[in-house]
Amino acid sequence: MPTIHVLPHPLCPSGLSFECRAGTALAAALLSQGIALEHACEMSCACSTCHVHVRGGRSSLSPAKDAEEDELDNAWGVDADSRLACQVRLAQVDLLVELPLHSRNHAREHG
């Protein structure tokens, strides 16, 4: 099983490392660990709120499809390592993930 390493961030102040089954969506894996990752479209690739930076292990991932690339155009702070966490399926390789400091959402609902 791959290990996901999340760098320290206000949503995860100490950072976090955890194992997750290959084939799982990165967004679902992060949410299952209590990281309150934005996902306004309920992980259907219709927004850019689950934008993350995959700083390590990116070459093991399938390339982004056109729909993901189109949505990334709307994300804050996009760089060469940017992906939508809802579209990333974990492979057998460990990932190093950095959460952006800002999201496209200006308001957040808590429930």
PDB file of N, CA and C in Angstrom:
ATOM      1  N   MET A   1       0.846  -1.182   0.000  1.00  0.00           N
ATOM      2  CA  MET A   1       0.000   0.000   0.000  1.00  0.00           C
ATOM      3  C   MET A   1       0.889   1.243   0.000  1.00  0.00           C
ATOM      4  N   PRO A   2       0.495   2.230  -0.802  1.00  0.00           N
ATOM      5  CA  PRO A   2       1.282   3.462  -0.811  1.00  0.00           C
ATOM      6  C   PRO A   2       1.065   4.268   0.466  1.00  0.00           C
ATOM      7  N   THR A   3       2.057   5.057   0.809  1.00  0.00           N
ATOM      8  CA  THR A   3       1.964   5.968   1.937  1.00  0.00           C
ATOM      9  C   THR A   3       1.803   7.379   1.399  1.00  0.00           C
ATOM     10  N   ILE A   4       0.859   8.104   1.963  1.00  0.00           N
ATOM     11  CA  ILE A   4       0.619   9.492   1.610  1.00  0.00           C
ATOM     12  C   ILE A   4       1.242  10.340   2.711  1.00  0.00           C
ATOM     13  N   HIS A   5       2.134  11.241   2.325  1.00  0.00           N
ATOM     14  CA  HIS A   5       2.768  12.165   3.263  1.00  0.00           C
ATOM     15  C   HIS A   5       2.200  13.548   2.968  1.00  0.00           C
ATOM     16  N   VAL A   6       1.537  14.152   3.949  1.00  0.00           N
ATOM     17  CA  VAL A   6       0.961  15.481   3.796  1.00  0.00           C
ATOM     18  C   VAL A   6       1.838  16.458   4.569  1.00  0.00           C
ATOM     19  N   LEU A   7       2.301  17.499   3.872  1.00  0.00           N
ATOM     20  CA  LEU A   7       3.130  18.511   4.518  1.00  0.00           C
ATOM     21  C   LEU A   7       2.289  19.337   5.490  1.00  0.00           C
ATOM     22  N   PRO A   8       2.934  19.919   6.520  1.00  0.00           N
ATOM     23  CA  PRO A   8       2.193  20.741   7.478  1.00  0.00           C
ATOM     24  C   PRO A   8       1.419  21.859   6.779  1.00  0.00           C
ATOM     25  N   HIS A   9       0.222  22.120   7.270  1.00  0.00           N
ATOM     26  CA  HIS A   9      -0.710  23.080   6.684  1.00  0.00           C
ATOM     27  C   HIS A   9      -1.731  23.419   7.763  1.00  0.00           C
ATOM     28  N   PRO A  10      -2.386  24.574   7.711  1.00  0.00           N
ATOM     29  CA  PRO A  10      -3.399  24.879   8.736  1.00  0.00           C
ATOM     30  C   PRO A  10      -4.479  23.797   8.893  1.00  0.00           C
ATOM     31  N   LEU A  11      -4.819  23.074   7.834  1.00  0.00           N
ATOM     32  CA  LEU A  11      -5.786  21.979   7.952  1.00  0.00           C
ATOM     33  C   LEU A  11      -5.191  20.734   8.602  1.00  0.00           C
ATOM     34  N   CYS A  12      -3.858  20.695   8.660  1.00  0.00           N
ATOM     35  CA  CYS A  12      -3.130  19.540   9.190  1.00  0.00           C
ATOM     36  C   CYS A  12      -1.813  20.067   9.769  1.00  0.00           C
ATOM     37  N   PRO A  13      -1.868  20.776  10.896  1.00  0.00           N
ATOM     38  CA  PRO A  13      -0.717  21.534  11.401  1.00  0.00           C
ATOM     39  C   PRO A  13       0.590  20.761  11.575  1.00  0.00           C
ATOM     40  N   SER A  14       0.528  19.515  11.953  1.00  0.00           N
ATOM     41  CA  SER A  14       1.755  18.738  12.159  1.00  0.00           C
ATOM     42  C   SER A  14       2.150  17.922  10.942  1.00  0.00           C
ATOM     43  N   GLY A  15       1.355  18.008   9.880  1.00  0.00           N
ATOM     44  CA  GLY A  15       1.575  17.107   8.756  1.00  0.00           C
ATOM     45  C   GLY A  15       1.020  15.737   9.127  1.00  0.00           C
ATOM     46  N   LEU A  16       1.061  14.821   8.175  1.00  0.00           N
ATOM     47  CA  LEU A  16       0.480  13.503   8.428  1.00  0.00           C
ATOM     48  C   LEU A  16       1.039  12.523   7.414  1.00  0.00           C
ATOM     49  N   SER A  17       1.252  11.307   7.839  1.00  0.00           N
ATOM     50  CA  SER A  17       1.608  10.208   6.944  1.00  0.00           C
ATOM     51  C   SER A  17       0.666   9.049   7.245  1.00  0.00           C
ATOM     52  N   PHE A  18       0.132   8.439   6.191  1.00  0.00           N
ATOM     53  CA  PHE A  18      -0.782   7.324   6.365  1.00  0.00           C
ATOM     54  C   PHE A  18      -0.764   6.449   5.123  1.00  0.00           C
ATOM     55  N   GLU A  19      -1.093   5.188   5.306  1.00  0.00           N
ATOM     56  CA  GLU A  19      -1.194   4.251   4.188  1.00  0.00           C
ATOM     57  C   GLU A  19      -2.617   4.236   3.673  1.00  0.00           C
ATOM     58  N   CYS A  20      -2.729   3.977   2.375  1.00  0.00           N
ATOM     59  CA  CYS A  20      -4.054   3.910   1.767  1.00  0.00           C
ATOM     60  C   CYS A  20      -3.995   2.942   0.598  1.00  0.00           C
ATOM     61  N   ARG A  21      -5.092   2.310   0.338  1.00  0.00           N
ATOM     62  CA  ARG A  21      -5.183   1.307  -0.718  1.00  0.00           C
ATOM     63  C   ARG A  21      -5.008   1.943  -2.099  1.00  0.00           C
ATOM     64  N   ALA A  22      -4.205   1.322  -2.950  1.00  0.00           N
ATOM     65  CA  ALA A  22      -4.050   1.773  -4.332  1.00  0.00           C
ATOM     66  C   ALA A  22      -5.412   1.777  -5.008  1.00  0.00           C
ATOM     67  N   GLY A  23      -5.627   2.753  -5.879  1.00  0.00           N
ATOM     68  CA  GLY A  23      -6.901   2.887  -6.575  1.00  0.00           C
ATOM     69  C   GLY A  23      -7.852   3.869  -5.909  1.00  0.00           C
ATOM     70  N   THR A  24      -7.571   4.230  -4.669  1.00  0.00           N
ATOM     71  CA  THR A  24      -8.400   5.190  -3.938  1.00  0.00           C
ATOM     72  C   THR A  24      -8.163   6.589  -4.483  1.00  0.00           C
ATOM     73  N   ALA A  25      -9.198   7.397  -4.542  1.00  0.00           N
ATOM     74  CA  ALA A  25      -9.038   8.803  -4.923  1.00  0.00           C
ATOM     75  C   ALA A  25      -8.308   9.532  -3.791  1.00  0.00           C
ATOM     76  N   LEU A  26      -7.351  10.367  -4.151  1.00  0.00           N
ATOM     77  CA  LEU A  26      -6.582  11.098  -3.147  1.00  0.00           C
ATOM     78  C   LEU A  26      -7.502  11.934  -2.258  1.00  0.00           C
ATOM     79  N   ALA A  27      -8.512  12.572  -2.829  1.00  0.00           N
ATOM     80  CA  ALA A  27      -9.435  13.383  -2.020  1.00  0.00           C
ATOM     81  C   ALA A  27     -10.111  12.525  -0.958  1.00  0.00           C
ATOM     82  N   ALA A  28     -10.599  11.364  -1.333  1.00  0.00           N
ATOM     83  CA  ALA A  28     -11.256  10.469  -0.378  1.00  0.00           C
ATOM     84  C   ALA A  28     -10.278  10.019   0.699  1.00  0.00           C
ATOM     85  N   ALA A  29      -9.045   9.751   0.325  1.00  0.00           N
ATOM     86  CA  ALA A  29      -8.034   9.332   1.298  1.00  0.00           C
ATOM     87  C   ALA A  29      -7.765  10.438   2.314  1.00  0.00           C
ATOM     88  N   LEU A  30      -7.623  11.668   1.845  1.00  0.00           N
ATOM     89  CA  LEU A  30      -7.371  12.791   2.751  1.00  0.00           C
ATOM     90  C   LEU A  30      -8.560  13.009   3.684  1.00  0.00           C
ATOM     91  N   LEU A  31      -9.762  12.976   3.130  1.00  0.00           N
ATOM     92  CA  LEU A  31     -10.962  13.160   3.943  1.00  0.00           C
ATOM     93  C   LEU A  31     -11.095  12.061   4.996  1.00  0.00           C
ATOM     94  N   SER A  32     -10.729  10.828   4.638  1.00  0.00           N
ATOM     95  CA  SER A  32     -10.840   9.715   5.589  1.00  0.00           C
ATOM     96  C   SER A  32      -9.894   9.870   6.773  1.00  0.00           C
ATOM     97  N   GLN A  33      -8.879  10.701   6.613  1.00  0.00           N
ATOM     98  CA  GLN A  33      -7.917  10.939   7.695  1.00  0.00           C
ATOM     99  C   GLN A  33      -8.240  12.204   8.484  1.00  0.00           C
ATOM    100  N   GLY A  34      -9.408  12.799   8.218  1.00  0.00           N
ATOM    101  CA  GLY A  34      -9.828  13.980   8.966  1.00  0.00           C
ATOM    102  C   GLY A  34      -9.304  15.292   8.431  1.00  0.00           C
ATOM    103  N   ILE A  35      -8.685  15.282   7.272  1.00  0.00           N
ATOM    104  CA  ILE A  35      -8.219  16.522   6.654  1.00  0.00           C
ATOM    105  C   ILE A  35      -9.402  17.122   5.893  1.00  0.00           C
ATOM    106  N   ALA A  36      -9.827  18.295   6.290  1.00  0.00           N
ATOM    107  CA  ALA A  36     -11.043  18.916   5.754  1.00  0.00           C
ATOM    108  C   ALA A  36     -10.771  19.570   4.393  1.00  0.00           C
ATOM    109  N   LEU A  37     -10.423  18.755   3.438  1.00  0.00           N
ATOM    110  CA  LEU A  37     -10.148  19.228   2.083  1.00  0.00           C
ATOM    111  C   LEU A  37     -11.440  19.715   1.447  1.00  0.00           C
ATOM    112  N   GLU A  38     -11.394  20.901   0.847  1.00  0.00           N
ATOM    113  CA  GLU A  38     -12.557  21.420   0.128  1.00  0.00           C
ATOM    114  C   GLU A  38     -12.897  20.469  -1.024  1.00  0.00           C
ATOM    115  N   HIS A  39     -14.176  20.303  -1.286  1.00  0.00           N
ATOM    116  CA  HIS A  39     -14.633  19.490  -2.418  1.00  0.00           C
ATOM    117  C   HIS A  39     -16.069  19.893  -2.738  1.00  0.00           C
ATOM    118  N   ALA A  40     -16.222  21.126  -3.214  1.00  0.00           N
ATOM    119  CA  ALA A  40     -17.535  21.737  -3.399  1.00  0.00           C
ATOM    120  C   ALA A  40     -18.420  20.971  -4.376  1.00  0.00           C
ATOM    121  N   CYS A  41     -17.831  20.277  -5.336  1.00  0.00           N
ATOM    122  CA  CYS A  41     -18.637  19.552  -6.335  1.00  0.00           C
ATOM    123  C   CYS A  41     -18.819  18.089  -5.967  1.00  0.00           C
ATOM    124  N   GLU A  42     -18.494  17.750  -4.725  1.00  0.00           N
ATOM    125  CA  GLU A  42     -18.604  16.366  -4.260  1.00  0.00           C
ATOM    126  C   GLU A  42     -17.751  15.408  -5.099  1.00  0.00           C
ATOM    127  N   MET A  43     -16.582  15.900  -5.493  1.00  0.00           N
ATOM    128  CA  MET A  43     -15.556  15.111  -6.187  1.00  0.00           C
ATOM    129  C   MET A  43     -15.986  14.624  -7.569  1.00  0.00           C
ATOM    130  N   SER A  44     -16.626  15.520  -8.323  1.00  0.00           N
ATOM    131  CA  SER A  44     -17.063  15.152  -9.675  1.00  0.00           C
ATOM    132  C   SER A  44     -16.301  15.904 -10.762  1.00  0.00           C
ATOM    133  N   CYS A  45     -15.188  16.518 -10.415  1.00  0.00           N
ATOM    134  CA  CYS A  45     -14.343  17.262 -11.359  1.00  0.00           C
ATOM    135  C   CYS A  45     -15.110  18.427 -11.983  1.00  0.00           C
ATOM    136  N   ALA A  46     -15.912  19.114 -11.178  1.00  0.00           N
ATOM    137  CA  ALA A  46     -16.685  20.245 -11.671  1.00  0.00           C
ATOM    138  C   ALA A  46     -16.320  21.552 -10.968  1.00  0.00           C
ATOM    139  N   CYS A  47     -15.265  21.528 -10.167  1.00  0.00           N
ATOM    140  CA  CYS A  47     -14.776  22.741  -9.509  1.00  0.00           C
ATOM    141  C   CYS A  47     -13.273  22.557  -9.310  1.00  0.00           C
ATOM    142  N   SER A  48     -12.634  23.497  -8.685  1.00  0.00           N
ATOM    143  CA  SER A  48     -11.193  23.351  -8.458  1.00  0.00           C
ATOM    144  C   SER A  48     -10.846  23.420  -6.973  1.00  0.00           C
ATOM    145  N   THR A  49     -11.827  23.192  -6.115  1.00  0.00           N
ATOM    146  CA  THR A  49     -11.593  23.400  -4.685  1.00  0.00           C
ATOM    147  C   THR A  49     -10.730  22.332  -4.033  1.00  0.00           C
ATOM    148  N   CYS A  50     -10.563  21.185  -4.662  1.00  0.00           N
ATOM    149  CA  CYS A  50      -9.718  20.129  -4.075  1.00  0.00           C
ATOM    150  C   CYS A  50      -8.305  20.149  -4.658  1.00  0.00           C
ATOM    151  N   HIS A  51      -7.919  21.289  -5.196  1.00  0.00           N
ATOM    152  CA  HIS A  51      -6.582  21.448  -5.777  1.00  0.00           C
ATOM    153  C   HIS A  51      -5.498  21.165  -4.734  1.00  0.00           C
ATOM    154  N   VAL A  52      -4.519  20.346  -5.114  1.00  0.00           N
ATOM    155  CA  VAL A  52      -3.354  20.032  -4.277  1.00  0.00           C
ATOM    156  C   VAL A  52      -2.101  20.081  -5.142  1.00  0.00           C
ATOM    157  N   HIS A  53      -0.951  20.119  -4.495  1.00  0.00           N
ATOM    158  CA  HIS A  53       0.338  20.015  -5.177  1.00  0.00           C
ATOM    159  C   HIS A  53       0.922  18.647  -4.838  1.00  0.00           C
ATOM    160  N   VAL A  54       1.162  17.827  -5.831  1.00  0.00           N
ATOM    161  CA  VAL A  54       1.792  16.523  -5.619  1.00  0.00           C
ATOM    162  C   VAL A  54       3.288  16.730  -5.805  1.00  0.00           C
ATOM    163  N   ARG A  55       3.998  16.887  -4.692  1.00  0.00           N
ATOM    164  CA  ARG A  55       5.425  17.243  -4.717  1.00  0.00           C
ATOM    165  C   ARG A  55       6.335  16.031  -4.889  1.00  0.00           C
ATOM    166  N   GLY A  56       5.841  14.851  -4.637  1.00  0.00           N
ATOM    167  CA  GLY A  56       6.641  13.644  -4.807  1.00  0.00           C
ATOM    168  C   GLY A  56       5.770  12.491  -5.240  1.00  0.00           C
ATOM    169  N   GLY A  57       6.265  11.670  -6.154  1.00  0.00           N
ATOM    170  CA  GLY A  57       5.535  10.507  -6.632  1.00  0.00           C
ATOM    171  C   GLY A  57       4.609  10.796  -7.800  1.00  0.00           C
ATOM    172  N   ARG A  58       4.663  12.002  -8.306  1.00  0.00           N
ATOM    173  CA  ARG A  58       3.744  12.424  -9.371  1.00  0.00           C
ATOM    174  C   ARG A  58       3.878  11.599 -10.636  1.00  0.00           C
ATOM    175  N   SER A  59       5.075  11.131 -10.939  1.00  0.00           N
ATOM    176  CA  SER A  59       5.286  10.368 -12.184  1.00  0.00           C
ATOM    177  C   SER A  59       4.550   9.029 -12.173  1.00  0.00           C
ATOM    178  N   SER A  60       4.119   8.569 -10.995  1.00  0.00           N
ATOM    179  CA  SER A  60       3.389   7.297 -10.901  1.00  0.00           C
ATOM    180  C   SER A  60       1.906   7.461 -11.222  1.00  0.00           C
ATOM    181  N   LEU A  61       1.442   8.684 -11.326  1.00  0.00           N
ATOM    182  CA  LEU A  61       0.022   8.956 -11.521  1.00  0.00           C
ATOM    183  C   LEU A  61      -0.334   9.030 -12.996  1.00  0.00           C
ATOM    184  N   SER A  62      -1.564   8.705 -13.311  1.00  0.00           N
ATOM    185  CA  SER A  62      -2.057   8.884 -14.676  1.00  0.00           C
ATOM    186  C   SER A  62      -2.056  10.367 -14.987  1.00  0.00           C
ATOM    187  N   PRO A  63      -1.807  10.730 -16.242  1.00  0.00           N
ATOM    188  CA  PRO A  63      -1.844  12.152 -16.591  1.00  0.00           C
ATOM    189  C   PRO A  63      -3.236  12.736 -16.386  1.00  0.00           C
ATOM    190  N   ALA A  64      -3.282  14.033 -16.136  1.00  0.00           N
ATOM    191  CA  ALA A  64      -4.565  14.723 -15.990  1.00  0.00           C
ATOM    192  C   ALA A  64      -5.316  14.693 -17.313  1.00  0.00           C
ATOM    193  N   LYS A  65      -6.612  14.440 -17.239  1.00  0.00           N
ATOM    194  CA  LYS A  65      -7.463  14.478 -18.432  1.00  0.00           C
ATOM    195  C   LYS A  65      -7.858  15.925 -18.716  1.00  0.00           C
ATOM    196  N   ASP A  66      -8.446  16.152 -19.879  1.00  0.00           N
ATOM    197  CA  ASP A  66      -8.812  17.509 -20.296  1.00  0.00           C
ATOM    198  C   ASP A  66      -9.725  18.208 -19.289  1.00  0.00           C
ATOM    199  N   ALA A  67     -10.709  17.498 -18.745  1.00  0.00           N
ATOM    200  CA  ALA A  67     -11.642  18.116 -17.788  1.00  0.00           C
ATOM    201  C   ALA A  67     -10.900  18.614 -16.548  1.00  0.00           C
ATOM    202  N   GLU A  68      -9.932  17.820 -16.074  1.00  0.00           N
ATOM    203  CA  GLU A  68      -9.150  18.247 -14.907  1.00  0.00           C
ATOM    204  C   GLU A  68      -8.299  19.456 -15.256  1.00  0.00           C
ATOM    205  N   GLU A  69      -7.656  19.432 -16.404  1.00  0.00           N
ATOM    206  CA  GLU A  69      -6.839  20.574 -16.835  1.00  0.00           C
ATOM    207  C   GLU A  69      -7.689  21.834 -16.931  1.00  0.00           C
ATOM    208  N   ASP A  70      -8.898  21.698 -17.466  1.00  0.00           N
ATOM    209  CA  ASP A  70      -9.791  22.852 -17.586  1.00  0.00           C
ATOM    210  C   ASP A  70     -10.147  23.415 -16.210  1.00  0.00           C
ATOM    211  N   GLU A  71     -10.447  22.557 -15.257  1.00  0.00           N
ATOM    212  CA  GLU A  71     -10.792  23.022 -13.913  1.00  0.00           C
ATOM    213  C   GLU A  71      -9.589  23.627 -13.196  1.00  0.00           C
ATOM    214  N   LEU A  72      -8.406  23.090 -13.435  1.00  0.00           N
ATOM    215  CA  LEU A  72      -7.206  23.651 -12.799  1.00  0.00           C
ATOM    216  C   LEU A  72      -6.971  25.098 -13.217  1.00  0.00           C
ATOM    217  N   ASP A  73      -7.477  25.486 -14.381  1.00  0.00           N
ATOM    218  CA  ASP A  73      -7.360  26.885 -14.813  1.00  0.00           C
ATOM    219  C   ASP A  73      -8.027  27.834 -13.824  1.00  0.00           C
ATOM    220  N   ASN A  74      -8.960  27.332 -13.024  1.00  0.00           N
ATOM    221  CA  ASN A  74      -9.686  28.153 -12.059  1.00  0.00           C
ATOM    222  C   ASN A  74      -9.112  28.092 -10.648  1.00  0.00           C
ATOM    223  N   ALA A  75      -8.108  27.274 -10.427  1.00  0.00           N
ATOM    224  CA  ALA A  75      -7.551  27.089  -9.080  1.00  0.00           C
ATOM    225  C   ALA A  75      -6.560  28.198  -8.744  1.00  0.00           C
ATOM    226  N   TRP A  76      -6.396  28.411  -7.440  1.00  0.00           N
ATOM    227  CA  TRP A  76      -5.440  29.400  -6.945  1.00  0.00           C
ATOM    228  C   TRP A  76      -4.062  28.764  -6.821  1.00  0.00           C
ATOM    229  N   GLY A  77      -3.006  29.435  -7.292  1.00  0.00           N
ATOM    230  CA  GLY A  77      -1.636  28.987  -7.069  1.00  0.00           C
ATOM    231  C   GLY A  77      -1.225  27.745  -7.824  1.00  0.00           C
ATOM    232  N   VAL A  78      -1.726  27.566  -9.023  1.00  0.00           N
ATOM    233  CA  VAL A  78      -1.405  26.380  -9.830  1.00  0.00           C
ATOM    234  C   VAL A  78       0.066  26.402 -10.232  1.00  0.00           C
ATOM    235  N   ASP A  79       0.689  25.239 -10.180  1.00  0.00           N
ATOM    236  CA  ASP A  79       2.059  25.083 -10.680  1.00  0.00           C
ATOM    237  C   ASP A  79       2.174  23.736 -11.387  1.00  0.00           C
ATOM    238  N   ALA A  80       3.358  23.362 -11.770  1.00  0.00           N
ATOM    239  CA  ALA A  80       3.567  22.118 -12.529  1.00  0.00           C
ATOM    240  C   ALA A  80       3.180  20.871 -11.740  1.00  0.00           C
ATOM    241  N   ASP A  81       3.108  20.961 -10.429  1.00  0.00           N
ATOM    242  CA  ASP A  81       2.751  19.823  -9.577  1.00  0.00           C
ATOM    243  C   ASP A  81       1.267  19.779  -9.221  1.00  0.00           C
ATOM    244  N   SER A  82       0.482  20.692  -9.765  1.00  0.00           N
ATOM    245  CA  SER A  82      -0.931  20.808  -9.401  1.00  0.00           C
ATOM    246  C   SER A  82      -1.778  19.684  -9.979  1.00  0.00           C
ATOM    247  N   ARG A  83      -2.683  19.194  -9.147  1.00  0.00           N
ATOM    248  CA  ARG A  83      -3.688  18.203  -9.552  1.00  0.00           C
ATOM    249  C   ARG A  83      -4.951  18.456  -8.736  1.00  0.00           C
ATOM    250  N   LEU A  84      -6.065  17.946  -9.237  1.00  0.00           N
ATOM    251  CA  LEU A  84      -7.295  17.927  -8.440  1.00  0.00           C
ATOM    252  C   LEU A  84      -7.310  16.608  -7.687  1.00  0.00           C
ATOM    253  N   ALA A  85      -7.395  16.670  -6.379  1.00  0.00           N
ATOM    254  CA  ALA A  85      -7.311  15.464  -5.550  1.00  0.00           C
ATOM    255  C   ALA A  85      -8.423  14.467  -5.871  1.00  0.00           C
ATOM    256  N   CYS A  86      -9.556  14.963  -6.365  1.00  0.00           N
ATOM    257  CA  CYS A  86     -10.658  14.045  -6.702  1.00  0.00           C
ATOM    258  C   CYS A  86     -10.341  13.216  -7.940  1.00  0.00           C
ATOM    259  N   GLN A  87      -9.385  13.641  -8.737  1.00  0.00           N
ATOM    260  CA  GLN A  87      -9.054  12.951  -9.979  1.00  0.00           C
ATOM    261  C   GLN A  87      -7.808  12.079  -9.876  1.00  0.00           C
ATOM    262  N   VAL A  88      -7.061  12.229  -8.802  1.00  0.00           N
ATOM    263  CA  VAL A  88      -5.839  11.450  -8.592  1.00  0.00           C
ATOM    264  C   VAL A  88      -6.212  10.104  -7.980  1.00  0.00           C
ATOM    265  N   ARG A  89      -5.893   9.020  -8.672  1.00  0.00           N
ATOM    266  CA  ARG A  89      -6.070   7.661  -8.141  1.00  0.00           C
ATOM    267  C   ARG A  89      -4.705   7.174  -7.688  1.00  0.00           C
ATOM    268  N   LEU A  90      -4.639   6.721  -6.451  1.00  0.00           N
ATOM    269  CA  LEU A  90      -3.363   6.292  -5.888  1.00  0.00           C
ATOM    270  C   LEU A  90      -2.834   5.063  -6.611  1.00  0.00           C
ATOM    271  N   ALA A  91      -1.543   5.090  -6.886  1.00  0.00           N
ATOM    272  CA  ALA A  91      -0.851   3.948  -7.474  1.00  0.00           C
ATOM    273  C   ALA A  91      -0.125   3.227  -6.336  1.00  0.00           C
ATOM    274  N   GLN A  92       0.874   2.447  -6.655  1.00  0.00           N
ATOM    275  CA  GLN A  92       1.633   1.719  -5.629  1.00  0.00           C
ATOM    276  C   GLN A  92       2.836   2.510  -5.133  1.00  0.00           C
ATOM    277  N   VAL A  93       2.901   3.791  -5.459  1.00  0.00           N
ATOM    278  CA  VAL A  93       4.046   4.633  -5.116  1.00  0.00           C
ATOM    279  C   VAL A  93       3.615   5.653  -4.060  1.00  0.00           C
ATOM    280  N   ASP A  94       4.496   5.924  -3.102  1.00  0.00           N
ATOM    281  CA  ASP A  94       4.214   6.923  -2.076  1.00  0.00           C
ATOM    282  C   ASP A  94       4.078   8.303  -2.717  1.00  0.00           C
ATOM    283  N   LEU A  95       3.246   9.150  -2.113  1.00  0.00           N
ATOM    284  CA  LEU A  95       3.055  10.513  -2.587  1.00  0.00           C
ATOM    285  C   LEU A  95       3.404  11.505  -1.486  1.00  0.00           C
ATOM    286  N   LEU A  96       3.966  12.634  -1.890  1.00  0.00           N
ATOM    287  CA  LEU A  96       4.185  13.770  -1.005  1.00  0.00           C
ATOM    288  C   LEU A  96       3.234  14.861  -1.477  1.00  0.00           C
ATOM    289  N   VAL A  97       2.314  15.275  -0.612  1.00  0.00           N
ATOM    290  CA  VAL A  97       1.244  16.196  -0.979  1.00  0.00           C
ATOM    291  C   VAL A  97       1.356  17.476  -0.163  1.00  0.00           C
ATOM    292  N   GLU A  98       1.232  18.591  -0.873  1.00  0.00           N
ATOM    293  CA  GLU A  98       1.167  19.903  -0.228  1.00  0.00           C
ATOM    294  C   GLU A  98      -0.204  20.499  -0.520  1.00  0.00           C
ATOM    295  N   LEU A  99      -0.893  20.927   0.516  1.00  0.00           N
ATOM    296  CA  LEU A  99      -2.190  21.585   0.359  1.00  0.00           C
ATOM    297  C   LEU A  99      -1.955  23.070   0.139  1.00  0.00           C
ATOM    298  N   PRO A 100      -2.642  23.684  -0.825  1.00  0.00           N
ATOM    299  CA  PRO A 100      -2.475  25.128  -1.036  1.00  0.00           C
ATOM    300  C   PRO A 100      -3.002  25.927   0.158  1.00  0.00           C
ATOM    301  N   LEU A 101      -2.506  27.129   0.308  1.00  0.00           N
ATOM    302  CA  LEU A 101      -2.971  27.964   1.412  1.00  0.00           C
ATOM    303  C   LEU A 101      -4.363  28.524   1.174  1.00  0.00           C
ATOM    304  N   HIS A 102      -4.774  28.617  -0.083  1.00  0.00           N
ATOM    305  CA  HIS A 102      -6.079  29.183  -0.396  1.00  0.00           C
ATOM    306  C   HIS A 102      -6.829  28.266  -1.347  1.00  0.00           C
ATOM    307  N   SER A 103      -8.143  28.393  -1.307  1.00  0.00           N
ATOM    308  CA  SER A 103      -9.025  27.640  -2.181  1.00  0.00           C
ATOM    309  C   SER A 103      -9.848  28.632  -2.989  1.00  0.00           C
ATOM    310  N   ARG A 104     -10.437  28.149  -4.038  1.00  0.00           N
ATOM    311  CA  ARG A 104     -11.325  28.967  -4.842  1.00  0.00           C
ATOM    312  C   ARG A 104     -12.549  29.420  -4.044  1.00  0.00           C
ATOM    313  N   ASN A 105     -12.961  28.641  -3.060  1.00  0.00           N
ATOM    314  CA  ASN A 105     -14.111  29.001  -2.222  1.00  0.00           C
ATOM    315  C   ASN A 105     -13.763  30.182  -1.331  1.00  0.00           C
ATOM    316  N   HIS A 106     -14.621  31.142  -1.287  1.00  0.00           N
ATOM    317  CA  HIS A 106     -14.416  32.297  -0.396  1.00  0.00           C
ATOM    318  C   HIS A 106     -15.101  32.068   0.943  1.00  0.00           C
ATOM    319  N   ALA A 107     -16.145  31.270   0.942  1.00  0.00           N
ATOM    320  CA  ALA A 107     -16.882  30.955   2.172  1.00  0.00           C
ATOM    321  C   ALA A 107     -16.928  29.450   2.317  1.00  0.00           C
ATOM    322  N   ARG A 108     -17.000  29.003   3.522  1.00  0.00           N
ATOM    323  CA  ARG A 108     -17.005  27.568   3.769  1.00  0.00           C
ATOM    324  C   ARG A 108     -18.146  27.218   4.693  1.00  0.00           C
ATOM    325  N   GLU A 109     -18.890  26.215   4.317  1.00  0.00           N
ATOM    326  CA  GLU A 109     -19.985  25.766   5.144  1.00  0.00           C
ATOM    327  C   GLU A 109     -19.486  24.664   6.065  1.00  0.00           C
ATOM    328  N   HIS A 110     -19.855  24.732   7.308  1.00  0.00           N
ATOM    329  CA  HIS A 110     -19.507  23.680   8.276  1.00  0.00           C
ATOM    330  C   HIS A 110     -20.787  22.939   8.622  1.00  0.00           C
ATOM    331  N   GLY A 111     -20.685  21.623   8.657  1.00  0.00           N
ATOM    332  CA  GLY A 111     -21.917  20.909   8.941  1.00  0.00           C
ATOM    333  C   GLY A 111     -21.715  19.631   9.648  1.00  0.00           C
TER     334      GLY A 111
END
